[in-house]
Amino acid sequence: MKVSRLIVLFLLILTAIPARGEIRKAYKMEGGVPAYVIGVGDVLEVTLWEGLEAKRSEVEVRSDGYITVSFVDIKVDGLTAREVRDRLLEELKRFIRKPRVDVKVKEFRSKKVTLIGAIQSQIRQPTGPGIYPLTGRVTLSQMITRAGGFTRDADLSSIQITKKDGRRLVVNLFDLFFRGDLSKDIVLDDGDTVFVPRRVEVEKRIFVFGEVKKPGVYPLKEGTTLVQALGLAGGYKDTAVLRDIRVIRGGLEKPRLIATNVEAIIKKGEFERDVVLKNNDIIYVPRNRISNWNAFLAKIRPTLEFIILPFAGARVIDQVITGD
């Protein structure tokens, strides 16, 4: 297995493991797969098989954590659907020969997440800011997508998650979208409140992504150069390939690439190579040398559209014209 695959696998495992002393309320691992943890108020669909005939019933988990199925009472609070099925089978074996039972969660009511701020309301409902049920292992990006996505003025660089115990996390989703940093896609739990702040609207802006410390959207002042923009983004990381930075100009509708050797500018003082930026310029700082930028941009096109379109109003990347 390649090292990169091992790293991705490790990050996926990390996101499924709660912090020390923390117990996930929304799910637990069952055979290597996250399974929803049933709680008070959830509605279960229980199917009892008698030969080829299926008898279905919907039961709500009572305040004491129990449900009643036929003549059997069992406590299900804190169990998964499979564990409920197994317990029902054990109880029913006392009265029925070779019972068959299926259990699934019909309505998720016991665990909730609150979304506030720059969440988009769409025609389909429910969307927009509000309270949403947790259905198991759900990440920040999955929940926001389910709720309708971000509004055009959402500040993705400083999303705040407040836990039930008062702890607060600040998340920069640009790290997830452009660097694949899965640790930024926080797994949500019962009682979390997610606040998506709004950006202060500015007339001119630039986008800085890739191997910088604070990727995001920044206001553009007259005369701002590429090197200065890297400073706005907190500077470049040690992993940045400074000789292969590109400025994507013309938005996403009529883009052209401007290749810039920032290493020569910084280390050799070749300031004439620095690029004066224009409104809606996109700066991408790669981690590795990219031999085919057309193919690379095509690969990250969905992410670029998701981030850039609300700001720049462009449509799609149809063609990339190599600049000087």
Foldseek 3Di string as FASTA:
>chain_A
DDPVVVVVVVLVVVLLDDDPPDDFQQWDADPNDTFGFDAAQWKKWKWKDDDPDIDIDIWGQHPVQWTDDDHDIDRRGGHGQVVVQVVVVVVCVVPDPPIDMGMDTDGADDFKEFEDEFQDCDPDPDADGDIDGRRTFAWPVRVSVVRHHGALFWFQQFKWKAAPVGDIDTARCLCCLFVVNSVRRHTDGGPIYIYTYGHDDDPFWEFEHEFAQRGGIGHDDFQDWPQVVSVVRVHGDPLWQQQFKWKWPDAQAATEIDGARVCCCVVVVPVVRIGGDDGHIYIYTYSDHDPDVFVVCVVSFVSSCSNRCSPPVHDGNPDYHYDD
